[in-house]
PDB file of N, CA and C in Angstrom:
ATOM      1  N   MET A   1     -55.379  53.004 -80.062  1.00  0.00           N
ATOM      2  CA  MET A   1     -55.492  51.715 -80.704  1.00  0.00           C
ATOM      3  C   MET A   1     -56.767  51.015 -80.251  1.00  0.00           C
ATOM      4  N   VAL A   2     -57.169  51.221 -79.011  1.00  0.00           N
ATOM      5  CA  VAL A   2     -58.387  50.585 -78.519  1.00  0.00           C
ATOM      6  C   VAL A   2     -59.439  51.634 -78.207  1.00  0.00           C
ATOM      7  N   ILE A   3     -59.125  52.544 -77.305  1.00  0.00           N
ATOM      8  CA  ILE A   3     -60.104  53.523 -76.835  1.00  0.00           C
ATOM      9  C   ILE A   3     -60.358  54.618 -77.865  1.00  0.00           C
ATOM     10  N   ALA A   4     -59.311  55.163 -78.452  1.00  0.00           N
ATOM     11  CA  ALA A   4     -59.485  56.268 -79.410  1.00  0.00           C
ATOM     12  C   ALA A   4     -60.427  55.903 -80.556  1.00  0.00           C
ATOM     13  N   PRO A   5     -60.258  54.756 -81.210  1.00  0.00           N
ATOM     14  CA  PRO A   5     -61.194  54.411 -82.285  1.00  0.00           C
ATOM     15  C   PRO A   5     -62.638  54.261 -81.799  1.00  0.00           C
ATOM     16  N   MET A   6     -62.803  53.759 -80.573  1.00  0.00           N
ATOM     17  CA  MET A   6     -64.157  53.633 -80.024  1.00  0.00           C
ATOM     18  C   MET A   6     -64.804  55.002 -79.845  1.00  0.00           C
ATOM     19  N   ARG A   7     -63.985  55.980 -79.527  1.00  0.00           N
ATOM     20  CA  ARG A   7     -64.481  57.341 -79.311  1.00  0.00           C
ATOM     21  C   ARG A   7     -64.525  58.154 -80.599  1.00  0.00           C
ATOM     22  N   GLY A   8     -63.964  57.607 -81.656  1.00  0.00           N
ATOM     23  CA  GLY A   8     -63.930  58.327 -82.922  1.00  0.00           C
ATOM     24  C   GLY A   8     -62.855  59.401 -82.965  1.00  0.00           C
ATOM     25  N   THR A   9     -61.849  59.274 -82.105  1.00  0.00           N
ATOM     26  CA  THR A   9     -60.749  60.238 -82.099  1.00  0.00           C
ATOM     27  C   THR A   9     -59.525  59.623 -82.765  1.00  0.00           C
ATOM     28  N   PRO A  10     -58.629  60.473 -83.261  1.00  0.00           N
ATOM     29  CA  PRO A  10     -57.435  59.943 -83.936  1.00  0.00           C
ATOM     30  C   PRO A  10     -56.524  59.175 -82.974  1.00  0.00           C
ATOM     31  N   THR A  11     -55.863  58.182 -83.508  1.00  0.00           N
ATOM     32  CA  THR A  11     -54.928  57.378 -82.732  1.00  0.00           C
ATOM     33  C   THR A  11     -53.552  58.019 -82.789  1.00  0.00           C
ATOM     34  N   ASN A  12     -52.917  58.157 -81.648  1.00  0.00           N
ATOM     35  CA  ASN A  12     -51.556  58.680 -81.571  1.00  0.00           C
ATOM     36  C   ASN A  12     -50.609  57.496 -81.771  1.00  0.00           C
ATOM     37  N   GLU A  13     -50.043  57.385 -82.951  1.00  0.00           N
ATOM     38  CA  GLU A  13     -49.213  56.221 -83.297  1.00  0.00           C
ATOM     39  C   GLU A  13     -47.974  56.101 -82.427  1.00  0.00           C
ATOM     40  N   ALA A  14     -47.419  57.229 -81.979  1.00  0.00           N
ATOM     41  CA  ALA A  14     -46.247  57.170 -81.097  1.00  0.00           C
ATOM     42  C   ALA A  14     -46.617  56.504 -79.769  1.00  0.00           C
ATOM     43  N   VAL A  15     -47.779  56.833 -79.258  1.00  0.00           N
ATOM     44  CA  VAL A  15     -48.254  56.223 -78.013  1.00  0.00           C
ATOM     45  C   VAL A  15     -48.539  54.738 -78.231  1.00  0.00           C
ATOM     46  N   VAL A  16     -49.098  54.402 -79.381  1.00  0.00           N
ATOM     47  CA  VAL A  16     -49.372  52.997 -79.704  1.00  0.00           C
ATOM     48  C   VAL A  16     -48.073  52.200 -79.707  1.00  0.00           C
ATOM     49  N   GLU A  17     -47.060  52.707 -80.379  1.00  0.00           N
ATOM     50  CA  GLU A  17     -45.784  51.986 -80.462  1.00  0.00           C
ATOM     51  C   GLU A  17     -45.144  51.832 -79.088  1.00  0.00           C
ATOM     52  N   GLU A  18     -45.186  52.880 -78.288  1.00  0.00           N
ATOM     53  CA  GLU A  18     -44.637  52.822 -76.934  1.00  0.00           C
ATOM     54  C   GLU A  18     -45.403  51.798 -76.090  1.00  0.00           C
ATOM     55  N   SER A  19     -46.708  51.786 -76.240  1.00  0.00           N
ATOM     56  CA  SER A  19     -47.546  50.843 -75.489  1.00  0.00           C
ATOM     57  C   SER A  19     -47.295  49.403 -75.922  1.00  0.00           C
ATOM     58  N   LEU A  20     -47.075  49.192 -77.212  1.00  0.00           N
ATOM     59  CA  LEU A  20     -46.785  47.837 -77.696  1.00  0.00           C
ATOM     60  C   LEU A  20     -45.475  47.309 -77.118  1.00  0.00           C
ATOM     61  N   ILE A  21     -44.503  48.183 -76.976  1.00  0.00           N
ATOM     62  CA  ILE A  21     -43.224  47.782 -76.380  1.00  0.00           C
ATOM     63  C   ILE A  21     -43.431  47.363 -74.924  1.00  0.00           C
ATOM     64  N   LYS A  22     -44.205  48.154 -74.193  1.00  0.00           N
ATOM     65  CA  LYS A  22     -44.499  47.814 -72.794  1.00  0.00           C
ATOM     66  C   LYS A  22     -45.296  46.514 -72.706  1.00  0.00           C
ATOM     67  N   PHE A  23     -46.267  46.368 -73.584  1.00  0.00           N
ATOM     68  CA  PHE A  23     -47.094  45.164 -73.593  1.00  0.00           C
ATOM     69  C   PHE A  23     -46.257  43.930 -73.921  1.00  0.00           C
ATOM     70  N   ALA A  24     -45.323  44.070 -74.842  1.00  0.00           N
ATOM     71  CA  ALA A  24     -44.445  42.951 -75.203  1.00  0.00           C
ATOM     72  C   ALA A  24     -43.639  42.487 -73.990  1.00  0.00           C
ATOM     73  N   LYS A  25     -43.221  43.429 -73.150  1.00  0.00           N
ATOM     74  CA  LYS A  25     -42.469  43.062 -71.941  1.00  0.00           C
ATOM     75  C   LYS A  25     -43.342  42.251 -70.980  1.00  0.00           C
ATOM     76  N   VAL A  26     -44.603  42.621 -70.876  1.00  0.00           N
ATOM     77  CA  VAL A  26     -45.534  41.859 -70.033  1.00  0.00           C
ATOM     78  C   VAL A  26     -45.704  40.450 -70.599  1.00  0.00           C
ATOM     79  N   LEU A  27     -45.885  40.365 -71.915  1.00  0.00           N
ATOM     80  CA  LEU A  27     -46.046  39.040 -72.526  1.00  0.00           C
ATOM     81  C   LEU A  27     -44.776  38.206 -72.421  1.00  0.00           C
ATOM     82  N   ASP A  28     -43.617  38.854 -72.364  1.00  0.00           N
ATOM     83  CA  ASP A  28     -42.371  38.111 -72.157  1.00  0.00           C
ATOM     84  C   ASP A  28     -42.379  37.420 -70.793  1.00  0.00           C
ATOM     85  N   ILE A  29     -42.932  38.089 -69.791  1.00  0.00           N
ATOM     86  CA  ILE A  29     -43.047  37.486 -68.460  1.00  0.00           C
ATOM     87  C   ILE A  29     -44.001  36.291 -68.517  1.00  0.00           C
ATOM     88  N   HIS A  30     -45.117  36.471 -69.215  1.00  0.00           N
ATOM     89  CA  HIS A  30     -46.066  35.366 -69.397  1.00  0.00           C
ATOM     90  C   HIS A  30     -45.394  34.215 -70.150  1.00  0.00           C
ATOM     91  N   GLU A  31     -44.625  34.545 -71.162  1.00  0.00           N
ATOM     92  CA  GLU A  31     -43.943  33.528 -71.968  1.00  0.00           C
ATOM     93  C   GLU A  31     -43.030  32.676 -71.086  1.00  0.00           C
ATOM     94  N   GLU A  32     -42.280  33.334 -70.217  1.00  0.00           N
ATOM     95  CA  GLU A  32     -41.393  32.614 -69.299  1.00  0.00           C
ATOM     96  C   GLU A  32     -42.184  31.713 -68.362  1.00  0.00           C
ATOM     97  N   ARG A  33     -43.235  32.263 -67.813  1.00  0.00           N
ATOM     98  CA  ARG A  33     -44.075  31.509 -66.869  1.00  0.00           C
ATOM     99  C   ARG A  33     -44.692  30.294 -67.555  1.00  0.00           C
ATOM    100  N   LEU A  34     -45.177  30.504 -68.767  1.00  0.00           N
ATOM    101  CA  LEU A  34     -45.861  29.436 -69.493  1.00  0.00           C
ATOM    102  C   LEU A  34     -44.893  28.407 -70.072  1.00  0.00           C
ATOM    103  N   ALA A  35     -43.608  28.692 -70.025  1.00  0.00           N
ATOM    104  CA  ALA A  35     -42.607  27.692 -70.412  1.00  0.00           C
ATOM    105  C   ALA A  35     -42.456  26.644 -69.309  1.00  0.00           C
ATOM    106  N   LYS A  36     -42.883  27.013 -68.095  1.00  0.00           N
ATOM    107  CA  LYS A  36     -42.726  26.130 -66.934  1.00  0.00           C
ATOM    108  C   LYS A  36     -44.009  25.421 -66.528  1.00  0.00           C
ATOM    109  N   ALA A  37     -45.148  25.956 -66.947  1.00  0.00           N
ATOM    110  CA  ALA A  37     -46.446  25.384 -66.564  1.00  0.00           C
ATOM    111  C   ALA A  37     -47.463  25.701 -67.658  1.00  0.00           C
ATOM    112  N   PRO A  38     -48.489  24.882 -67.802  1.00  0.00           N
ATOM    113  CA  PRO A  38     -49.456  25.103 -68.883  1.00  0.00           C
ATOM    114  C   PRO A  38     -50.406  26.286 -68.662  1.00  0.00           C
ATOM    115  N   TYR A  39     -50.510  26.742 -67.419  1.00  0.00           N
ATOM    116  CA  TYR A  39     -51.430  27.837 -67.106  1.00  0.00           C
ATOM    117  C   TYR A  39     -50.701  28.900 -66.290  1.00  0.00           C
ATOM    118  N   LEU A  40     -51.233  30.091 -66.265  1.00  0.00           N
ATOM    119  CA  LEU A  40     -50.569  31.188 -65.568  1.00  0.00           C
ATOM    120  C   LEU A  40     -50.385  30.915 -64.082  1.00  0.00           C
ATOM    121  N   GLY A  41     -51.335  30.212 -63.477  1.00  0.00           N
ATOM    122  CA  GLY A  41     -51.250  29.907 -62.053  1.00  0.00           C
ATOM    123  C   GLY A  41     -50.583  28.583 -61.736  1.00  0.00           C
ATOM    124  N   GLY A  42     -50.161  27.857 -62.740  1.00  0.00           N
ATOM    125  CA  GLY A  42     -49.512  26.566 -62.494  1.00  0.00           C
ATOM    126  C   GLY A  42     -50.035  25.461 -63.379  1.00  0.00           C
ATOM    127  N   GLU A  43     -50.343  24.334 -62.781  1.00  0.00           N
ATOM    128  CA  GLU A  43     -50.725  23.141 -63.532  1.00  0.00           C
ATOM    129  C   GLU A  43     -52.201  23.071 -63.886  1.00  0.00           C
ATOM    130  N   SER A  44     -53.024  23.915 -63.272  1.00  0.00           N
ATOM    131  CA  SER A  44     -54.471  23.865 -63.498  1.00  0.00           C
ATOM    132  C   SER A  44     -55.011  25.209 -63.962  1.00  0.00           C
ATOM    133  N   PHE A  45     -56.043  25.162 -64.780  1.00  0.00           N
ATOM    134  CA  PHE A  45     -56.775  26.358 -65.188  1.00  0.00           C
ATOM    135  C   PHE A  45     -57.338  27.013 -63.931  1.00  0.00           C
ATOM    136  N   SER A  46     -57.167  28.332 -63.815  1.00  0.00           N
ATOM    137  CA  SER A  46     -57.611  29.015 -62.599  1.00  0.00           C
ATOM    138  C   SER A  46     -58.091  30.429 -62.913  1.00  0.00           C
ATOM    139  N   LEU A  47     -58.432  31.138 -61.867  1.00  0.00           N
ATOM    140  CA  LEU A  47     -58.860  32.521 -61.999  1.00  0.00           C
ATOM    141  C   LEU A  47     -57.780  33.377 -62.662  1.00  0.00           C
ATOM    142  N   ALA A  48     -56.528  33.020 -62.476  1.00  0.00           N
ATOM    143  CA  ALA A  48     -55.432  33.751 -63.123  1.00  0.00           C
ATOM    144  C   ALA A  48     -55.602  33.737 -64.642  1.00  0.00           C
ATOM    145  N   ASP A  49     -56.001  32.615 -65.190  1.00  0.00           N
ATOM    146  CA  ASP A  49     -56.232  32.501 -66.633  1.00  0.00           C
ATOM    147  C   ASP A  49     -57.547  33.159 -67.018  1.00  0.00           C
ATOM    148  N   LEU A  50     -58.563  32.877 -66.256  1.00  0.00           N
ATOM    149  CA  LEU A  50     -59.909  33.363 -66.559  1.00  0.00           C
ATOM    150  C   LEU A  50     -59.963  34.881 -66.669  1.00  0.00           C
ATOM    151  N   THR A  51     -59.269  35.572 -65.781  1.00  0.00           N
ATOM    152  CA  THR A  51     -59.323  37.034 -65.811  1.00  0.00           C
ATOM    153  C   THR A  51     -58.649  37.625 -67.046  1.00  0.00           C
ATOM    154  N   HIS A  52     -57.775  36.878 -67.679  1.00  0.00           N
ATOM    155  CA  HIS A  52     -57.101  37.351 -68.891  1.00  0.00           C
ATOM    156  C   HIS A  52     -57.920  37.124 -70.165  1.00  0.00           C
ATOM    157  N   MET A  53     -58.914  36.263 -70.099  1.00  0.00           N
ATOM    158  CA  MET A  53     -59.601  35.827 -71.319  1.00  0.00           C
ATOM    159  C   MET A  53     -60.346  36.925 -72.081  1.00  0.00           C
ATOM    160  N   PRO A  54     -61.163  37.749 -71.443  1.00  0.00           N
ATOM    161  CA  PRO A  54     -61.908  38.745 -72.225  1.00  0.00           C
ATOM    162  C   PRO A  54     -61.009  39.737 -72.968  1.00  0.00           C
ATOM    163  N   LEU A  55     -60.016  40.285 -72.272  1.00  0.00           N
ATOM    164  CA  LEU A  55     -59.152  41.266 -72.924  1.00  0.00           C
ATOM    165  C   LEU A  55     -58.258  40.608 -73.970  1.00  0.00           C
ATOM    166  N   THR A  56     -57.754  39.417 -73.677  1.00  0.00           N
ATOM    167  CA  THR A  56     -56.930  38.714 -74.666  1.00  0.00           C
ATOM    168  C   THR A  56     -57.744  38.428 -75.919  1.00  0.00           C
ATOM    169  N   HIS A  57     -58.975  38.005 -75.742  1.00  0.00           N
ATOM    170  CA  HIS A  57     -59.861  37.738 -76.883  1.00  0.00           C
ATOM    171  C   HIS A  57     -59.995  38.984 -77.761  1.00  0.00           C
ATOM    172  N   TYR A  58     -60.159  40.131 -77.132  1.00  0.00           N
ATOM    173  CA  TYR A  58     -60.290  41.381 -77.881  1.00  0.00           C
ATOM    174  C   TYR A  58     -58.958  41.778 -78.527  1.00  0.00           C
ATOM    175  N   LEU A  59     -57.895  41.792 -77.742  1.00  0.00           N
ATOM    176  CA  LEU A  59     -56.606  42.277 -78.233  1.00  0.00           C
ATOM    177  C   LEU A  59     -56.024  41.411 -79.341  1.00  0.00           C
ATOM    178  N   ILE A  60     -56.217  40.119 -79.254  1.00  0.00           N
ATOM    179  CA  ILE A  60     -55.624  39.227 -80.248  1.00  0.00           C
ATOM    180  C   ILE A  60     -56.259  39.429 -81.628  1.00  0.00           C
ATOM    181  N   GLY A  61     -57.402  40.094 -81.644  1.00  0.00           N
ATOM    182  CA  GLY A  61     -58.054  40.414 -82.910  1.00  0.00           C
ATOM    183  C   GLY A  61     -57.553  41.699 -83.554  1.00  0.00           C
ATOM    184  N   LEU A  62     -56.694  42.437 -82.856  1.00  0.00           N
ATOM    185  CA  LEU A  62     -56.131  43.669 -83.404  1.00  0.00           C
ATOM    186  C   LEU A  62     -54.809  43.344 -84.088  1.00  0.00           C
ATOM    187  N   PRO A  63     -54.647  43.709 -85.358  1.00  0.00           N
ATOM    188  CA  PRO A  63     -53.463  43.289 -86.113  1.00  0.00           C
ATOM    189  C   PRO A  63     -52.117  43.550 -85.432  1.00  0.00           C
ATOM    190  N   LYS A  64     -51.864  44.747 -84.975  1.00  0.00           N
ATOM    191  CA  LYS A  64     -50.560  45.037 -84.362  1.00  0.00           C
ATOM    192  C   LYS A  64     -50.355  44.242 -83.080  1.00  0.00           C
ATOM    193  N   VAL A  65     -51.393  44.092 -82.311  1.00  0.00           N
ATOM    194  CA  VAL A  65     -51.291  43.374 -81.039  1.00  0.00           C
ATOM    195  C   VAL A  65     -51.203  41.872 -81.289  1.00  0.00           C
ATOM    196  N   SER A  66     -51.924  41.398 -82.257  1.00  0.00           N
ATOM    197  CA  SER A  66     -51.894  39.979 -82.603  1.00  0.00           C
ATOM    198  C   SER A  66     -50.468  39.525 -82.908  1.00  0.00           C
ATOM    199  N   ASP A  67     -49.723  40.362 -83.600  1.00  0.00           N
ATOM    200  CA  ASP A  67     -48.330  40.029 -83.920  1.00  0.00           C
ATOM    201  C   ASP A  67     -47.487  39.856 -82.658  1.00  0.00           C
ATOM    202  N   VAL A  68     -47.751  40.677 -81.651  1.00  0.00           N
ATOM    203  CA  VAL A  68     -47.015  40.587 -80.390  1.00  0.00           C
ATOM    204  C   VAL A  68     -47.322  39.253 -79.706  1.00  0.00           C
ATOM    205  N   PHE A  69     -48.580  38.850 -79.729  1.00  0.00           N
ATOM    206  CA  PHE A  69     -48.959  37.549 -79.167  1.00  0.00           C
ATOM    207  C   PHE A  69     -48.311  36.414 -79.952  1.00  0.00           C
ATOM    208  N   ARG A  70     -48.448  36.447 -81.263  1.00  0.00           N
ATOM    209  CA  ARG A  70     -48.000  35.336 -82.112  1.00  0.00           C
ATOM    210  C   ARG A  70     -46.485  35.129 -82.083  1.00  0.00           C
ATOM    211  N   ALA A  71     -45.746  36.125 -81.652  1.00  0.00           N
ATOM    212  CA  ALA A  71     -44.291  35.997 -81.550  1.00  0.00           C
ATOM    213  C   ALA A  71     -43.868  35.185 -80.318  1.00  0.00           C
ATOM    214  N   ARG A  72     -44.839  34.784 -79.511  1.00  0.00           N
ATOM    215  CA  ARG A  72     -44.546  34.057 -78.270  1.00  0.00           C
ATOM    216  C   ARG A  72     -45.272  32.709 -78.281  1.00  0.00           C
ATOM    217  N   LYS A  73     -44.520  31.648 -78.555  1.00  0.00           N
ATOM    218  CA  LYS A  73     -45.140  30.331 -78.763  1.00  0.00           C
ATOM    219  C   LYS A  73     -45.847  29.803 -77.524  1.00  0.00           C
ATOM    220  N   ASN A  74     -45.305  30.032 -76.345  1.00  0.00           N
ATOM    221  CA  ASN A  74     -45.955  29.528 -75.129  1.00  0.00           C
ATOM    222  C   ASN A  74     -47.240  30.286 -74.826  1.00  0.00           C
ATOM    223  N   VAL A  75     -47.228  31.575 -75.070  1.00  0.00           N
ATOM    224  CA  VAL A  75     -48.439  32.379 -74.873  1.00  0.00           C
ATOM    225  C   VAL A  75     -49.519  31.914 -75.847  1.00  0.00           C
ATOM    226  N   MET A  76     -49.141  31.669 -77.084  1.00  0.00           N
ATOM    227  CA  MET A  76     -50.124  31.223 -78.076  1.00  0.00           C
ATOM    228  C   MET A  76     -50.651  29.827 -77.751  1.00  0.00           C
ATOM    229  N   ALA A  77     -49.787  28.944 -77.280  1.00  0.00           N
ATOM    230  CA  ALA A  77     -50.241  27.596 -76.893  1.00  0.00           C
ATOM    231  C   ALA A  77     -51.219  27.699 -75.719  1.00  0.00           C
ATOM    232  N   TRP A  78     -50.905  28.575 -74.762  1.00  0.00           N
ATOM    233  CA  TRP A  78     -51.811  28.818 -73.631  1.00  0.00           C
ATOM    234  C   TRP A  78     -53.147  29.352 -74.129  1.00  0.00           C
ATOM    235  N   TRP A  79     -53.098  30.331 -75.049  1.00  0.00           N
ATOM    236  CA  TRP A  79     -54.347  30.905 -75.555  1.00  0.00           C
ATOM    237  C   TRP A  79     -55.175  29.847 -76.282  1.00  0.00           C
ATOM    238  N   GLU A  80     -54.542  29.034 -77.077  1.00  0.00           N
ATOM    239  CA  GLU A  80     -55.262  27.962 -77.776  1.00  0.00           C
ATOM    240  C   GLU A  80     -55.903  27.005 -76.767  1.00  0.00           C
ATOM    241  N   ARG A  81     -55.170  26.700 -75.725  1.00  0.00           N
ATOM    242  CA  ARG A  81     -55.667  25.779 -74.700  1.00  0.00           C
ATOM    243  C   ARG A  81     -56.897  26.360 -73.994  1.00  0.00           C
ATOM    244  N   ILE A  82     -56.809  27.599 -73.555  1.00  0.00           N
ATOM    245  CA  ILE A  82     -57.922  28.146 -72.773  1.00  0.00           C
ATOM    246  C   ILE A  82     -59.081  28.607 -73.646  1.00  0.00           C
ATOM    247  N   SER A  83     -58.792  29.097 -74.835  1.00  0.00           N
ATOM    248  CA  SER A  83     -59.889  29.585 -75.684  1.00  0.00           C
ATOM    249  C   SER A  83     -60.632  28.454 -76.386  1.00  0.00           C
ATOM    250  N   SER A  84     -60.104  27.241 -76.304  1.00  0.00           N
ATOM    251  CA  SER A  84     -60.803  26.099 -76.906  1.00  0.00           C
ATOM    252  C   SER A  84     -61.738  25.408 -75.907  1.00  0.00           C
ATOM    253  N   ARG A  85     -61.805  25.914 -74.705  1.00  0.00           N
ATOM    254  CA  ARG A  85     -62.707  25.348 -73.689  1.00  0.00           C
ATOM    255  C   ARG A  85     -64.154  25.582 -74.110  1.00  0.00           C
ATOM    256  N   GLU A  86     -64.993  24.591 -73.896  1.00  0.00           N
ATOM    257  CA  GLU A  86     -66.402  24.688 -74.313  1.00  0.00           C
ATOM    258  C   GLU A  86     -67.109  25.895 -73.704  1.00  0.00           C
ATOM    259  N   ALA A  87     -66.856  26.158 -72.443  1.00  0.00           N
ATOM    260  CA  ALA A  87     -67.509  27.296 -71.782  1.00  0.00           C
ATOM    261  C   ALA A  87     -67.130  28.609 -72.459  1.00  0.00           C
ATOM    262  N   TRP A  88     -65.857  28.742 -72.862  1.00  0.00           N
ATOM    263  CA  TRP A  88     -65.424  29.971 -73.526  1.00  0.00           C
ATOM    264  C   TRP A  88     -66.056  30.090 -74.911  1.00  0.00           C
ATOM    265  N   LYS A  89     -66.169  28.991 -75.598  1.00  0.00           N
ATOM    266  CA  LYS A  89     -66.824  29.011 -76.911  1.00  0.00           C
ATOM    267  C   LYS A  89     -68.262  29.504 -76.777  1.00  0.00           C
ATOM    268  N   LYS A  90     -68.941  29.097 -75.715  1.00  0.00           N
ATOM    269  CA  LYS A  90     -70.319  29.554 -75.484  1.00  0.00           C
ATOM    270  C   LYS A  90     -70.357  31.049 -75.191  1.00  0.00           C
ATOM    271  N   VAL A  91     -69.402  31.523 -74.408  1.00  0.00           N
ATOM    272  CA  VAL A  91     -69.339  32.957 -74.091  1.00  0.00           C
ATOM    273  C   VAL A  91     -69.124  33.773 -75.364  1.00  0.00           C
ATOM    274  N   THR A  92     -68.172  33.363 -76.186  1.00  0.00           N
ATOM    275  CA  THR A  92     -67.886  34.136 -77.395  1.00  0.00           C
ATOM    276  C   THR A  92     -69.021  34.040 -78.402  1.00  0.00           C
ATOM    277  N   ALA A  93     -69.761  32.950 -78.382  1.00  0.00           N
ATOM    278  CA  ALA A  93     -70.917  32.822 -79.278  1.00  0.00           C
ATOM    279  C   ALA A  93     -72.002  33.832 -78.916  1.00  0.00           C
ATOM    280  N   LEU A  94     -72.094  34.200 -77.657  1.00  0.00           N
ATOM    281  CA  LEU A  94     -73.087  35.182 -77.223  1.00  0.00           C
ATOM    282  C   LEU A  94     -72.827  36.566 -77.808  1.00  0.00           C
ATOM    283  N   SER A  95     -71.555  36.878 -78.038  1.00  0.00           N
ATOM    284  CA  SER A  95     -71.221  38.210 -78.547  1.00  0.00           C
ATOM    285  C   SER A  95     -71.072  38.243 -80.067  1.00  0.00           C
ATOM    286  N   ALA A  96     -71.284  37.120 -80.706  1.00  0.00           N
ATOM    287  CA  ALA A  96     -71.124  37.058 -82.170  1.00  0.00           C
ATOM    288  C   ALA A  96     -72.321  37.647 -82.889  1.00  0.00           C
TER     289      ALA A  96
END
């Protein structure tokens, strides 16, 4: 889903589906955490959030993965909060 297309090799859909299930479980943990605090590390934006930004930015653009994110309202609210920061907008503008 991510690496295989970059390499020009076929995607193993069974592996993709299995990985999405595992990923959904991770996001469920994030969903629970974000129900209690606005950021992964608590009340303030921190390195815990920052380290998730590049991969989340990439993954949320993939249709199957985007659906997994969008099914979790707290995760999406967190993503909207952190990805709307001016510094992040500048970073993403560099890669556009």
